[in-house]
Amino acid sequence: MRACSKAALVGAATLALASLCTPSYGAGTFTLVYQDSFNESVPLGAFSGCAGDGDFKCAGLQAAHPHYYDTLGAYPDGWPDTATQRGYAQGGYYRPQSTISVIKSSSGDGQLEVKMTSDGTTNKVAAVVPRPCMNLRYGKFSERFIVRTRTPGFKMAHLRYTPNEVDYPEAGGDFSSDPISAFTHGFAESGADVAPSTAWTGWHSYSFEVMPGQIKFYYDNALVQTVDADFPDAADWILQNESALNNVQAPAGSSVTIDTTWVGCYKYSG
């Protein structure tokens, strides 16, 4: 990940460039495990043959995109999302080959793009798995993204789940009405709204630290919530994007695009 240079933030493009630069997080007692700024183009369709056996590797990436074969997995084609599992009127299925791509940028700030769509009855959704960040109990997990439209009928819950759970950022119901929130479940029950629903459509960074006895949540580098509880398990980090959980239905032909300009994780080093 690269930090914003002073020279890069001069002139009329300041706001746009600043929104794409990596903040200078102080790693402290954390050691970098993985980071990606998405500077290799991957076309729609390449995230195919994704495994449901626990490693989430996508066979369609192996030959042409070995870096992403090793580092970015996804929930496999046909897995039902949460709304479908709960029997809601309109749910979705994970379709990585139809929703996930990587767009290289000439400025060096590429984007992982997830585009969820609806035919008015069923949604195509996506959950991306940063593979080097799997199976960690304690660590720091960071990303920067924008939701291009607050389309009704879609949401996200980026999470670590075992079934003890840390969710951040999450739209509890859907993007159109729900604020940016942080939750913990199972080992500790907590919730905090850290920004209004309108903030989804701006570039923001999100980070949380899972340490022995404590979890800290950050929004644009500012500490916004602390939970004094010990996460009990090793877990994967899942960038889960899915159908709404408030029975709001996505209109036929509608979509929502989530562009992520970097992700990274650190291992807690004591």
C-alpha atoms as a PDB file:
ATOM      1  CA  MET A   1       0.000   0.000   0.000  1.00  0.00           C
ATOM      2  CA  ARG A   2       1.274   3.480  -0.713  1.00  0.00           C
ATOM      3  CA  ALA A   3       0.806   6.567   1.415  1.00  0.00           C
ATOM      4  CA  CYS A   4      -0.309   9.889  -0.040  1.00  0.00           C
ATOM      5  CA  SER A   5       2.610  12.109  -0.987  1.00  0.00           C
ATOM      6  CA  LYS A   6       2.359  15.864  -0.520  1.00  0.00           C
ATOM      7  CA  ALA A   7       3.177  16.435  -4.184  1.00  0.00           C
ATOM      8  CA  ALA A   8       0.364  14.153  -5.282  1.00  0.00           C
ATOM      9  CA  LEU A   9      -2.212  16.264  -3.480  1.00  0.00           C
ATOM     10  CA  VAL A  10      -1.545  19.574  -5.204  1.00  0.00           C
ATOM     11  CA  GLY A  11      -3.905  21.123  -7.752  1.00  0.00           C
ATOM     12  CA  ALA A  12      -7.454  20.700  -8.973  1.00  0.00           C
ATOM     13  CA  ALA A  13      -7.343  16.905  -8.714  1.00  0.00           C
ATOM     14  CA  THR A  14      -6.534  17.013  -4.998  1.00  0.00           C
ATOM     15  CA  LEU A  15      -9.839  15.566  -3.793  1.00  0.00           C
ATOM     16  CA  ALA A  16      -9.896  12.745  -6.320  1.00  0.00           C
ATOM     17  CA  LEU A  17      -6.288  11.752  -5.682  1.00  0.00           C
ATOM     18  CA  ALA A  18      -6.648  11.972  -1.921  1.00  0.00           C
ATOM     19  CA  SER A  19      -9.624   9.653  -2.060  1.00  0.00           C
ATOM     20  CA  LEU A  20      -7.533   6.956  -3.708  1.00  0.00           C
ATOM     21  CA  CYS A  21      -4.349   7.218  -1.636  1.00  0.00           C
ATOM     22  CA  THR A  22      -3.602   4.786   1.127  1.00  0.00           C
ATOM     23  CA  PRO A  23      -3.665   6.408   4.572  1.00  0.00           C
ATOM     24  CA  SER A  24      -0.488   6.099   6.613  1.00  0.00           C
ATOM     25  CA  TYR A  25      -1.681   3.664   9.263  1.00  0.00           C
ATOM     26  CA  GLY A  26       0.701   3.221  12.175  1.00  0.00           C
ATOM     27  CA  ALA A  27       1.053  -0.563  12.246  1.00  0.00           C
ATOM     28  CA  GLY A  28       2.198  -0.557  15.885  1.00  0.00           C
ATOM     29  CA  THR A  29       2.120  -4.125  17.145  1.00  0.00           C
ATOM     30  CA  PHE A  30       0.969  -5.481  13.790  1.00  0.00           C
ATOM     31  CA  THR A  31       3.031  -7.022  11.001  1.00  0.00           C
ATOM     32  CA  LEU A  32       1.917  -6.684   7.378  1.00  0.00           C
ATOM     33  CA  VAL A  33       0.705  -9.955   5.863  1.00  0.00           C
ATOM     34  CA  TYR A  34      -0.870  -8.808   2.596  1.00  0.00           C
ATOM     35  CA  GLN A  35      -1.754  -5.693   0.635  1.00  0.00           C
ATOM     36  CA  ASP A  36      -3.014  -5.048  -2.872  1.00  0.00           C
ATOM     37  CA  SER A  37      -3.623  -1.887  -4.896  1.00  0.00           C
ATOM     38  CA  PHE A  38      -5.143  -3.809  -7.833  1.00  0.00           C
ATOM     39  CA  ASN A  39      -2.799  -2.924 -10.677  1.00  0.00           C
ATOM     40  CA  GLU A  40      -3.378  -5.943 -12.896  1.00  0.00           C
ATOM     41  CA  SER A  41      -6.505  -5.994 -15.056  1.00  0.00           C
ATOM     42  CA  VAL A  42      -8.776  -9.022 -14.667  1.00  0.00           C
ATOM     43  CA  PRO A  43     -11.808  -9.201 -16.979  1.00  0.00           C
ATOM     44  CA  LEU A  44     -15.299 -10.140 -15.935  1.00  0.00           C
ATOM     45  CA  GLY A  45     -15.638 -13.905 -16.151  1.00  0.00           C
ATOM     46  CA  ALA A  46     -12.164 -14.781 -14.872  1.00  0.00           C
ATOM     47  CA  PHE A  47     -13.307 -15.292 -11.274  1.00  0.00           C
ATOM     48  CA  SER A  48     -14.794 -18.670 -12.206  1.00  0.00           C
ATOM     49  CA  GLY A  49     -14.532 -22.171 -10.821  1.00  0.00           C
ATOM     50  CA  CYS A  50     -14.211 -20.799  -7.289  1.00  0.00           C
ATOM     51  CA  ALA A  51     -13.887 -23.571  -4.718  1.00  0.00           C
ATOM     52  CA  GLY A  52     -16.280 -24.217  -1.870  1.00  0.00           C
ATOM     53  CA  ASP A  53     -13.876 -26.508  -0.033  1.00  0.00           C
ATOM     54  CA  GLY A  54     -12.462 -23.830   2.250  1.00  0.00           C
ATOM     55  CA  ASP A  55      -9.663 -22.304   0.170  1.00  0.00           C
ATOM     56  CA  PHE A  56     -11.980 -20.310  -2.174  1.00  0.00           C
ATOM     57  CA  LYS A  57      -9.443 -20.381  -5.027  1.00  0.00           C
ATOM     58  CA  CYS A  58     -10.913 -19.490  -8.430  1.00  0.00           C
ATOM     59  CA  ALA A  59      -9.611 -21.896 -11.076  1.00  0.00           C
ATOM     60  CA  GLY A  60     -10.381 -19.418 -13.867  1.00  0.00           C
ATOM     61  CA  LEU A  61      -7.586 -17.171 -12.598  1.00  0.00           C
ATOM     62  CA  GLN A  62      -4.842 -19.777 -12.433  1.00  0.00           C
ATOM     63  CA  ALA A  63      -3.348 -19.590 -15.933  1.00  0.00           C
ATOM     64  CA  ALA A  64      -3.641 -15.898 -16.841  1.00  0.00           C
ATOM     65  CA  HIS A  65      -3.744 -14.271 -13.388  1.00  0.00           C
ATOM     66  CA  PRO A  66      -1.694 -16.373 -10.954  1.00  0.00           C
ATOM     67  CA  HIS A  67      -1.243 -13.480  -8.518  1.00  0.00           C
ATOM     68  CA  TYR A  68      -4.990 -13.235  -7.965  1.00  0.00           C
ATOM     69  CA  TYR A  69      -5.384 -17.013  -8.045  1.00  0.00           C
ATOM     70  CA  ASP A  70      -3.172 -17.069  -4.960  1.00  0.00           C
ATOM     71  CA  THR A  71      -4.476 -13.949  -3.230  1.00  0.00           C
ATOM     72  CA  LEU A  72      -8.167 -13.364  -4.053  1.00  0.00           C
ATOM     73  CA  GLY A  73     -10.775 -16.065  -3.722  1.00  0.00           C
ATOM     74  CA  ALA A  74     -14.553 -15.862  -3.747  1.00  0.00           C
ATOM     75  CA  TYR A  75     -17.655 -17.686  -2.600  1.00  0.00           C
ATOM     76  CA  PRO A  76     -18.430 -20.220  -5.345  1.00  0.00           C
ATOM     77  CA  ASP A  77     -21.078 -19.925  -8.015  1.00  0.00           C
ATOM     78  CA  GLY A  78     -24.510 -20.915  -6.760  1.00  0.00           C
ATOM     79  CA  TRP A  79     -24.066 -20.472  -3.043  1.00  0.00           C
ATOM     80  CA  PRO A  80     -27.178 -18.747  -1.623  1.00  0.00           C
ATOM     81  CA  ASP A  81     -26.749 -15.397   0.113  1.00  0.00           C
ATOM     82  CA  THR A  82     -28.175 -14.625   3.552  1.00  0.00           C
ATOM     83  CA  ALA A  83     -31.520 -13.346   2.264  1.00  0.00           C
ATOM     84  CA  THR A  84     -32.043 -16.512   0.223  1.00  0.00           C
ATOM     85  CA  GLN A  85     -31.078 -18.716   3.155  1.00  0.00           C
ATOM     86  CA  ARG A  86     -33.637 -16.901   5.304  1.00  0.00           C
ATOM     87  CA  GLY A  87     -36.369 -17.342   2.714  1.00  0.00           C
ATOM     88  CA  TYR A  88     -36.904 -13.645   2.018  1.00  0.00           C
ATOM     89  CA  ALA A  89     -39.081 -12.594  -0.921  1.00  0.00           C
ATOM     90  CA  GLN A  90     -36.032 -11.565  -2.934  1.00  0.00           C
ATOM     91  CA  GLY A  91     -32.605 -12.982  -2.300  1.00  0.00           C
ATOM     92  CA  GLY A  92     -29.580 -13.749  -4.360  1.00  0.00           C
ATOM     93  CA  TYR A  93     -26.870 -16.223  -5.270  1.00  0.00           C
ATOM     94  CA  TYR A  94     -23.132 -15.717  -5.385  1.00  0.00           C
ATOM     95  CA  ARG A  95     -22.047 -15.380  -9.019  1.00  0.00           C
ATOM     96  CA  PRO A  96     -18.344 -14.411  -8.950  1.00  0.00           C
ATOM     97  CA  GLN A  97     -17.836 -14.858 -12.692  1.00  0.00           C
ATOM     98  CA  SER A  98     -20.642 -12.349 -13.391  1.00  0.00           C
ATOM     99  CA  THR A  99     -19.846  -9.763 -10.714  1.00  0.00           C
ATOM    100  CA  ILE A 100     -16.093  -9.487  -9.971  1.00  0.00           C
ATOM    101  CA  SER A 101     -13.339  -7.877 -12.059  1.00  0.00           C
ATOM    102  CA  VAL A 102     -10.181  -5.804 -11.555  1.00  0.00           C
ATOM    103  CA  ILE A 103      -9.643  -2.544 -13.429  1.00  0.00           C
ATOM    104  CA  LYS A 104      -6.081  -1.295 -13.825  1.00  0.00           C
ATOM    105  CA  SER A 105      -5.556   2.472 -13.673  1.00  0.00           C
ATOM    106  CA  SER A 106      -2.890   4.514 -15.459  1.00  0.00           C
ATOM    107  CA  SER A 107      -2.424   6.481 -12.215  1.00  0.00           C
ATOM    108  CA  GLY A 108      -1.405   3.335 -10.346  1.00  0.00           C
ATOM    109  CA  ASP A 109      -4.591   3.160  -8.277  1.00  0.00           C
ATOM    110  CA  GLY A 110      -6.469   0.230  -9.740  1.00  0.00           C
ATOM    111  CA  GLN A 111      -9.805  -0.985  -8.448  1.00  0.00           C
ATOM    112  CA  LEU A 112     -11.365  -4.268  -7.515  1.00  0.00           C
ATOM    113  CA  GLU A 113     -14.888  -3.944  -8.889  1.00  0.00           C
ATOM    114  CA  VAL A 114     -17.930  -5.825  -7.637  1.00  0.00           C
ATOM    115  CA  LYS A 115     -21.104  -5.141  -9.614  1.00  0.00           C
ATOM    116  CA  MET A 116     -24.233  -6.753  -8.162  1.00  0.00           C
ATOM    117  CA  THR A 117     -27.306  -6.907 -10.407  1.00  0.00           C
ATOM    118  CA  SER A 118     -30.967  -7.882 -10.206  1.00  0.00           C
ATOM    119  CA  ASP A 119     -33.583  -9.164 -12.639  1.00  0.00           C
ATOM    120  CA  GLY A 120     -36.312  -8.139 -10.190  1.00  0.00           C
ATOM    121  CA  THR A 121     -36.651 -11.662  -8.810  1.00  0.00           C
ATOM    122  CA  THR A 122     -33.136 -12.856  -8.008  1.00  0.00           C
ATOM    123  CA  ASN A 123     -29.898 -10.975  -7.402  1.00  0.00           C
ATOM    124  CA  LYS A 124     -26.367 -11.777  -8.507  1.00  0.00           C
ATOM    125  CA  VAL A 125     -24.041 -10.998  -5.594  1.00  0.00           C
ATOM    126  CA  ALA A 126     -20.393 -11.529  -4.609  1.00  0.00           C
ATOM    127  CA  ALA A 127     -18.196 -12.274  -1.610  1.00  0.00           C
ATOM    128  CA  VAL A 128     -14.459 -11.757  -2.121  1.00  0.00           C
ATOM    129  CA  VAL A 129     -11.980 -13.540   0.156  1.00  0.00           C
ATOM    130  CA  PRO A 130      -8.454 -12.082   0.610  1.00  0.00           C
ATOM    131  CA  ARG A 131      -6.752 -15.456   0.936  1.00  0.00           C
ATOM    132  CA  PRO A 132      -3.549 -14.423   2.772  1.00  0.00           C
ATOM    133  CA  CYS A 133      -5.800 -12.979   5.499  1.00  0.00           C
ATOM    134  CA  MET A 134      -7.501 -16.303   6.190  1.00  0.00           C
ATOM    135  CA  ASN A 135      -7.236 -18.243   9.441  1.00  0.00           C
ATOM    136  CA  LEU A 136      -6.059 -15.386  11.669  1.00  0.00           C
ATOM    137  CA  ARG A 137      -7.359 -14.945  15.200  1.00  0.00           C
ATOM    138  CA  TYR A 138      -5.864 -11.524  15.915  1.00  0.00           C
ATOM    139  CA  GLY A 139      -4.949  -8.904  13.353  1.00  0.00           C
ATOM    140  CA  LYS A 140      -5.730  -5.650  11.592  1.00  0.00           C
ATOM    141  CA  PHE A 141      -7.946  -5.526   8.499  1.00  0.00           C
ATOM    142  CA  SER A 142      -8.128  -2.446   6.253  1.00  0.00           C
ATOM    143  CA  GLU A 143      -9.792  -1.415   2.997  1.00  0.00           C
ATOM    144  CA  ARG A 144     -10.798   1.670   1.052  1.00  0.00           C
ATOM    145  CA  PHE A 145     -13.824   1.673  -1.253  1.00  0.00           C
ATOM    146  CA  ILE A 146     -16.800   3.554  -2.636  1.00  0.00           C
ATOM    147  CA  VAL A 147     -20.358   2.361  -3.247  1.00  0.00           C
ATOM    148  CA  ARG A 148     -21.298   4.070  -6.504  1.00  0.00           C
ATOM    149  CA  THR A 149     -25.058   4.176  -5.865  1.00  0.00           C
ATOM    150  CA  ARG A 150     -27.197   3.498  -2.796  1.00  0.00           C
ATOM    151  CA  THR A 151     -29.342   1.074  -4.776  1.00  0.00           C
ATOM    152  CA  PRO A 152     -32.328  -0.340  -2.860  1.00  0.00           C
ATOM    153  CA  GLY A 153     -32.263  -4.093  -2.366  1.00  0.00           C
ATOM    154  CA  PHE A 154     -28.502  -4.509  -1.835  1.00  0.00           C
ATOM    155  CA  LYS A 155     -26.175  -4.314   1.172  1.00  0.00           C
ATOM    156  CA  MET A 156     -22.788  -5.396   2.483  1.00  0.00           C
ATOM    157  CA  ALA A 157     -21.464  -7.008   5.626  1.00  0.00           C
ATOM    158  CA  HIS A 158     -17.695  -7.301   5.441  1.00  0.00           C
ATOM    159  CA  LEU A 159     -16.975  -9.695   8.245  1.00  0.00           C
ATOM    160  CA  ARG A 160     -15.062 -12.337  10.136  1.00  0.00           C
ATOM    161  CA  TYR A 161     -17.347 -15.235  10.990  1.00  0.00           C
ATOM    162  CA  THR A 162     -16.845 -18.484  12.900  1.00  0.00           C
ATOM    163  CA  PRO A 163     -19.969 -18.139  13.945  1.00  0.00           C
ATOM    164  CA  ASN A 164     -18.607 -15.600  16.434  1.00  0.00           C
ATOM    165  CA  GLU A 165     -18.702 -12.494  14.302  1.00  0.00           C
ATOM    166  CA  VAL A 166     -17.153  -9.098  13.666  1.00  0.00           C
ATOM    167  CA  ASP A 167     -18.962  -7.043  10.985  1.00  0.00           C
ATOM    168  CA  TYR A 168     -17.459  -3.847   9.612  1.00  0.00           C
ATOM    169  CA  PRO A 169     -18.483  -2.021   7.598  1.00  0.00           C
ATOM    170  CA  GLU A 170     -22.090  -3.172   7.413  1.00  0.00           C
ATOM    171  CA  ALA A 171     -25.383  -1.833   6.102  1.00  0.00           C
ATOM    172  CA  GLY A 172     -27.787  -3.627   8.408  1.00  0.00           C
ATOM    173  CA  GLY A 173     -30.723  -3.565   5.975  1.00  0.00           C
ATOM    174  CA  ASP A 174     -29.703  -2.016   2.671  1.00  0.00           C
ATOM    175  CA  PHE A 175     -27.564   0.763   1.220  1.00  0.00           C
ATOM    176  CA  SER A 176     -30.475   3.097   0.503  1.00  0.00           C
ATOM    177  CA  SER A 177     -31.479   3.595   4.128  1.00  0.00           C
ATOM    178  CA  ASP A 178     -28.927   2.141   6.540  1.00  0.00           C
ATOM    179  CA  PRO A 179     -25.918   3.918   8.046  1.00  0.00           C
ATOM    180  CA  ILE A 180     -22.382   2.591   8.051  1.00  0.00           C
ATOM    181  CA  SER A 181     -22.227   0.412  11.157  1.00  0.00           C
ATOM    182  CA  ALA A 182     -19.938  -1.875  13.157  1.00  0.00           C
ATOM    183  CA  PHE A 183     -21.237  -4.952  14.985  1.00  0.00           C
ATOM    184  CA  THR A 184     -19.955  -7.854  17.063  1.00  0.00           C
ATOM    185  CA  HIS A 185     -22.019 -10.992  17.708  1.00  0.00           C
ATOM    186  CA  GLY A 186     -21.693 -14.223  19.632  1.00  0.00           C
ATOM    187  CA  PHE A 187     -18.690 -13.628  21.842  1.00  0.00           C
ATOM    188  CA  ALA A 188     -19.951 -10.080  22.544  1.00  0.00           C
ATOM    189  CA  GLU A 189     -23.043  -8.168  21.459  1.00  0.00           C
ATOM    190  CA  SER A 190     -22.348  -4.618  20.337  1.00  0.00           C
ATOM    191  CA  GLY A 191     -23.300  -2.169  17.621  1.00  0.00           C
ATOM    192  CA  ALA A 192     -22.393   1.363  16.617  1.00  0.00           C
ATOM    193  CA  ASP A 193     -23.377   3.605  13.701  1.00  0.00           C
ATOM    194  CA  VAL A 194     -20.242   5.405  12.550  1.00  0.00           C
ATOM    195  CA  ALA A 195     -21.496   7.401   9.512  1.00  0.00           C
ATOM    196  CA  PRO A 196     -24.842   8.146   7.789  1.00  0.00           C
ATOM    197  CA  SER A 197     -26.185   6.210   4.812  1.00  0.00           C
ATOM    198  CA  THR A 198     -25.102   8.976   2.430  1.00  0.00           C
ATOM    199  CA  ALA A 199     -21.459   8.261   3.306  1.00  0.00           C
ATOM    200  CA  TRP A 200     -21.523   4.998   1.370  1.00  0.00           C
ATOM    201  CA  THR A 201     -21.145   6.942  -1.875  1.00  0.00           C
ATOM    202  CA  GLY A 202     -17.880   8.624  -0.863  1.00  0.00           C
ATOM    203  CA  TRP A 203     -14.344   7.246  -0.803  1.00  0.00           C
ATOM    204  CA  HIS A 204     -13.638   6.159   2.784  1.00  0.00           C
ATOM    205  CA  SER A 205     -11.199   3.884   4.565  1.00  0.00           C
ATOM    206  CA  TYR A 206     -12.286   1.265   7.069  1.00  0.00           C
ATOM    207  CA  SER A 207     -10.088  -0.624   9.477  1.00  0.00           C
ATOM    208  CA  PHE A 208     -10.521  -2.765  12.550  1.00  0.00           C
ATOM    209  CA  GLU A 209      -8.019  -4.264  14.956  1.00  0.00           C
ATOM    210  CA  VAL A 210      -8.673  -7.562  16.724  1.00  0.00           C
ATOM    211  CA  MET A 211      -6.377  -7.894  19.735  1.00  0.00           C
ATOM    212  CA  PRO A 212      -6.416 -10.020  22.876  1.00  0.00           C
ATOM    213  CA  GLY A 213      -9.357  -8.690  24.889  1.00  0.00           C
ATOM    214  CA  GLN A 214     -10.240  -5.792  22.599  1.00  0.00           C
ATOM    215  CA  ILE A 215     -11.508  -4.766  19.137  1.00  0.00           C
ATOM    216  CA  LYS A 216     -11.079  -1.242  17.752  1.00  0.00           C
ATOM    217  CA  PHE A 217     -12.925   0.156  14.728  1.00  0.00           C
ATOM    218  CA  TYR A 218     -11.612   3.054  12.608  1.00  0.00           C
ATOM    219  CA  TYR A 219     -13.347   5.230   9.998  1.00  0.00           C
ATOM    220  CA  ASP A 220     -11.021   7.396   7.889  1.00  0.00           C
ATOM    221  CA  ASN A 221      -8.246   6.798  10.435  1.00  0.00           C
ATOM    222  CA  ALA A 222     -10.368   7.992  13.381  1.00  0.00           C
ATOM    223  CA  LEU A 223     -11.187   5.577  16.204  1.00  0.00           C
ATOM    224  CA  VAL A 224     -14.985   5.300  16.300  1.00  0.00           C
ATOM    225  CA  GLN A 225     -15.738   2.266  18.475  1.00  0.00           C
ATOM    226  CA  THR A 226     -13.963   0.068  21.024  1.00  0.00           C
ATOM    227  CA  VAL A 227     -15.329  -3.265  22.230  1.00  0.00           C
ATOM    228  CA  ASP A 228     -13.708  -4.837  25.280  1.00  0.00           C
ATOM    229  CA  ALA A 229     -14.066  -8.536  24.482  1.00  0.00           C
ATOM    230  CA  ASP A 230     -11.841 -11.351  23.242  1.00  0.00           C
ATOM    231  CA  PHE A 231     -12.523 -12.802  19.796  1.00  0.00           C
ATOM    232  CA  PRO A 232     -12.179 -16.538  20.479  1.00  0.00           C
ATOM    233  CA  ASP A 233     -11.389 -18.121  17.097  1.00  0.00           C
ATOM    234  CA  ALA A 234      -9.203 -18.037  14.015  1.00  0.00           C
ATOM    235  CA  ALA A 235     -11.322 -16.701  11.158  1.00  0.00           C
ATOM    236  CA  ASP A 236     -11.306 -15.651   7.503  1.00  0.00           C
ATOM    237  CA  TRP A 237     -11.928 -12.083   6.321  1.00  0.00           C
ATOM    238  CA  ILE A 238     -14.875 -12.049   3.907  1.00  0.00           C
ATOM    239  CA  LEU A 239     -15.789  -8.991   1.805  1.00  0.00           C
ATOM    240  CA  GLN A 240     -19.436 -10.039   1.603  1.00  0.00           C
ATOM    241  CA  ASN A 241     -21.790  -8.092  -0.667  1.00  0.00           C
ATOM    242  CA  GLU A 242     -25.337  -9.383  -0.885  1.00  0.00           C
ATOM    243  CA  SER A 243     -29.105  -8.857  -1.017  1.00  0.00           C
ATOM    244  CA  ALA A 244     -30.919  -6.591   1.435  1.00  0.00           C
ATOM    245  CA  LEU A 245     -32.042  -8.021   4.763  1.00  0.00           C
ATOM    246  CA  ASN A 246     -34.982  -5.644   5.317  1.00  0.00           C
ATOM    247  CA  ASN A 247     -37.241  -7.126   2.607  1.00  0.00           C
ATOM    248  CA  VAL A 248     -36.539  -4.190   0.270  1.00  0.00           C
ATOM    249  CA  GLN A 249     -36.526  -5.623  -3.243  1.00  0.00           C
ATOM    250  CA  ALA A 250     -34.098  -4.573  -5.952  1.00  0.00           C
ATOM    251  CA  PRO A 251     -35.915  -3.359  -9.095  1.00  0.00           C
ATOM    252  CA  ALA A 252     -35.474  -5.305 -12.324  1.00  0.00           C
ATOM    253  CA  GLY A 253     -32.423  -4.062 -14.194  1.00  0.00           C
ATOM    254  CA  SER A 254     -30.938  -2.327 -11.161  1.00  0.00           C
ATOM    255  CA  SER A 255     -27.363  -2.690  -9.980  1.00  0.00           C
ATOM    256  CA  VAL A 256     -24.846  -1.420  -7.466  1.00  0.00           C
ATOM    257  CA  THR A 257     -21.092  -1.162  -8.056  1.00  0.00           C
ATOM    258  CA  ILE A 258     -18.527  -1.280  -5.258  1.00  0.00           C
ATOM    259  CA  ASP A 259     -15.022  -0.148  -6.229  1.00  0.00           C
ATOM    260  CA  THR A 260     -12.168  -0.945  -3.849  1.00  0.00           C
ATOM    261  CA  THR A 261      -8.838   0.764  -4.387  1.00  0.00           C
ATOM    262  CA  TRP A 262      -6.859  -1.267  -1.829  1.00  0.00           C
ATOM    263  CA  VAL A 263      -7.101  -3.913   0.854  1.00  0.00           C
ATOM    264  CA  GLY A 264      -4.578  -5.066   3.423  1.00  0.00           C
ATOM    265  CA  CYS A 265      -4.241  -7.142   6.552  1.00  0.00           C
ATOM    266  CA  TYR A 266      -1.741  -7.403   9.375  1.00  0.00           C
ATOM    267  CA  LYS A 267      -1.011 -10.128  11.888  1.00  0.00           C
ATOM    268  CA  TYR A 268      -0.996  -9.167  15.550  1.00  0.00           C
ATOM    269  CA  SER A 269       2.567  -9.538  16.789  1.00  0.00           C
ATOM    270  CA  GLY A 270       2.093  -8.907  20.499  1.00  0.00           C
END
